[in-house]
Amino acid sequence: MKRWILLASVIYLLAFASVGRTQDADTIQVAGSYAGVYHIPDDPHHYDSKVPQPEKLINETWTFTQDGNKVTGTEKTDKGDRSFTGTIKGTRLLGAVLDGDMRYLISLTVDPSDGGMAGTIRVGAREFLLKLTKK
């Protein structure tokens, strides 16, 4: 009888240990360097979606490190480096870039086939398209 209890306990512990490893292995990996592009309209107050608007493209380099679903990194701008912290939830990378008192909210969807990401960066009430391509 004691053998069965011991055997059942070992199986139970191994089952839960493998569940934790499976969840970590399924986390999308984003560590590395990316070429980033912001799409900023020349007239952010023009709301007629039927008329194409000229836009300014800002190119930057983003670098991420990852520990499980926790992501930290750096956005390299022409004005200096900004720190990024975020988390992976499914295929989404959600986080924030800090620049002094300013906080930029990042919401990206990761494409598992090529590691690229696309989404938005929000600054106050303004939101811009952001695309990251893995280098």
Protein backbone atom coordinates (compact mmCIF):
# COMPACT_ATOMS: atom_id res chain seq x y z
CA MET A 1 0.00 0.00 0.00
CA LYS A 2 2.81 2.39 0.90
CA ARG A 3 4.43 1.67 -2.46
CA TRP A 4 1.29 2.75 -4.32
CA ILE A 5 1.06 5.97 -2.34
CA LEU A 6 4.74 6.70 -2.97
CA LEU A 7 4.40 5.86 -6.68
CA ALA A 8 1.27 8.02 -7.01
CA SER A 9 3.06 10.92 -5.27
CA VAL A 10 6.03 10.71 -7.63
CA ILE A 11 3.78 10.62 -10.72
CA TYR A 12 1.78 13.56 -9.38
CA LEU A 13 4.94 15.65 -8.82
CA LEU A 14 6.38 14.78 -12.24
CA ALA A 15 3.12 15.72 -13.95
CA PHE A 16 3.08 19.20 -12.39
CA ALA A 17 6.80 19.75 -13.04
CA SER A 18 6.31 18.99 -16.76
CA VAL A 19 3.33 21.38 -16.99
CA GLY A 20 5.56 24.27 -15.85
CA ARG A 21 8.26 23.39 -18.38
CA THR A 22 5.72 23.13 -21.20
CA GLN A 23 4.35 26.59 -20.47
CA ASP A 24 7.86 28.09 -20.48
CA ALA A 25 8.76 26.30 -23.72
CA ASP A 26 5.61 27.63 -25.42
CA THR A 27 6.44 31.27 -24.65
CA ILE A 28 7.28 33.14 -27.84
CA GLN A 29 10.91 34.23 -27.96
CA VAL A 30 11.60 37.90 -28.80
CA ALA A 31 15.18 38.31 -27.54
CA GLY A 32 17.43 39.99 -30.08
CA SER A 33 17.85 43.12 -32.15
CA TYR A 34 15.11 44.68 -34.31
CA ALA A 35 14.84 47.44 -36.88
CA GLY A 36 11.89 49.59 -35.80
CA VAL A 37 9.78 51.99 -37.85
CA TYR A 38 7.23 54.49 -36.51
CA HIS A 39 4.55 55.75 -38.88
CA ILE A 40 3.68 59.30 -37.80
CA PRO A 41 1.15 61.28 -39.87
CA ASP A 42 2.24 64.80 -40.86
CA ASP A 43 -1.13 66.12 -39.68
CA PRO A 44 -2.19 64.06 -36.64
CA HIS A 45 -5.44 66.07 -36.35
CA HIS A 46 -6.72 65.14 -39.81
CA TYR A 47 -9.33 62.41 -39.37
CA ASP A 48 -10.63 61.83 -42.91
CA SER A 49 -9.69 58.20 -43.51
CA LYS A 50 -10.74 58.37 -47.18
CA VAL A 51 -7.92 60.76 -48.06
CA PRO A 52 -4.38 59.32 -47.95
CA GLN A 53 -2.20 61.31 -45.57
CA PRO A 54 1.52 61.89 -45.90
CA GLU A 55 3.48 60.46 -43.03
CA LYS A 56 6.93 60.67 -41.51
CA LEU A 57 8.83 57.43 -40.92
CA ILE A 58 11.20 57.26 -37.96
CA ASN A 59 13.76 54.43 -37.99
CA GLU A 60 15.19 53.15 -34.71
CA THR A 61 16.89 50.08 -33.28
CA TRP A 62 15.23 48.04 -30.53
CA THR A 63 17.03 45.37 -28.50
CA PHE A 64 15.26 42.90 -26.19
CA THR A 65 16.34 40.38 -23.56
CA GLN A 66 13.89 37.83 -22.21
CA ASP A 67 13.46 35.75 -19.05
CA GLY A 68 10.38 33.54 -19.44
CA ASN A 69 7.55 35.91 -20.30
CA LYS A 70 9.34 39.00 -18.86
CA VAL A 71 11.00 41.24 -21.46
CA THR A 72 13.38 44.16 -20.96
CA GLY A 73 15.15 46.17 -23.58
CA THR A 74 16.34 49.39 -25.12
CA GLU A 75 14.96 51.68 -27.79
CA LYS A 76 17.86 53.55 -29.43
CA THR A 77 16.73 56.98 -30.63
CA ASP A 78 18.59 59.95 -32.08
CA LYS A 79 18.11 61.63 -28.66
CA GLY A 80 19.48 58.72 -26.61
CA ASP A 81 18.44 55.34 -25.25
CA ARG A 82 15.06 54.63 -23.64
CA SER A 83 14.38 51.61 -21.42
CA PHE A 84 11.59 49.12 -22.16
CA THR A 85 9.87 46.67 -19.79
CA GLY A 86 7.04 44.36 -20.73
CA THR A 87 5.53 40.88 -20.76
CA ILE A 88 4.60 38.28 -23.34
CA LYS A 89 0.97 37.15 -23.21
CA GLY A 90 0.29 34.57 -25.89
CA THR A 91 1.43 36.22 -29.14
CA ARG A 92 1.30 39.75 -27.66
CA LEU A 93 4.14 41.85 -26.28
CA LEU A 94 2.74 44.50 -23.94
CA GLY A 95 4.90 47.04 -22.17
CA ALA A 96 6.13 50.59 -21.78
CA VAL A 97 9.08 52.72 -22.79
CA LEU A 98 10.23 55.27 -20.24
CA ASP A 99 11.72 58.61 -21.26
CA GLY A 100 12.13 60.77 -18.17
CA ASP A 101 8.58 61.62 -17.07
CA MET A 102 7.09 60.38 -20.36
CA ARG A 103 5.68 56.87 -20.65
CA TYR A 104 4.99 55.31 -24.06
CA LEU A 105 2.64 52.29 -24.05
CA ILE A 106 3.59 49.52 -26.47
CA SER A 107 1.20 46.87 -27.80
CA LEU A 108 2.66 44.49 -30.38
CA THR A 109 1.60 41.22 -31.96
CA VAL A 110 4.46 38.79 -32.61
CA ASP A 111 4.51 36.83 -35.87
CA PRO A 112 5.89 33.40 -34.85
CA SER A 113 6.90 32.58 -38.44
CA ASP A 114 9.55 35.31 -38.74
CA GLY A 115 9.76 36.89 -35.27
CA GLY A 116 8.63 40.27 -36.58
CA MET A 117 6.21 42.42 -34.58
CA ALA A 118 3.57 44.99 -35.49
CA GLY A 119 1.26 47.12 -33.40
CA THR A 120 1.05 50.52 -31.80
CA ILE A 121 2.89 52.93 -29.57
CA ARG A 122 0.67 55.28 -27.56
CA VAL A 123 1.84 58.66 -26.31
CA GLY A 124 -0.92 60.26 -24.24
CA ALA A 125 -3.99 60.37 -26.51
CA ARG A 126 -1.95 59.91 -29.69
CA GLU A 127 -1.32 56.45 -31.15
CA PHE A 128 1.10 55.54 -33.92
CA LEU A 129 1.85 52.41 -35.93
CA LEU A 130 5.06 50.59 -34.97
CA LYS A 131 6.66 47.75 -36.90
CA LEU A 132 9.72 45.79 -35.70
CA THR A 133 11.66 43.53 -38.06
CA LYS A 134 14.17 41.08 -36.60
CA LYS A 135 17.75 41.79 -37.72
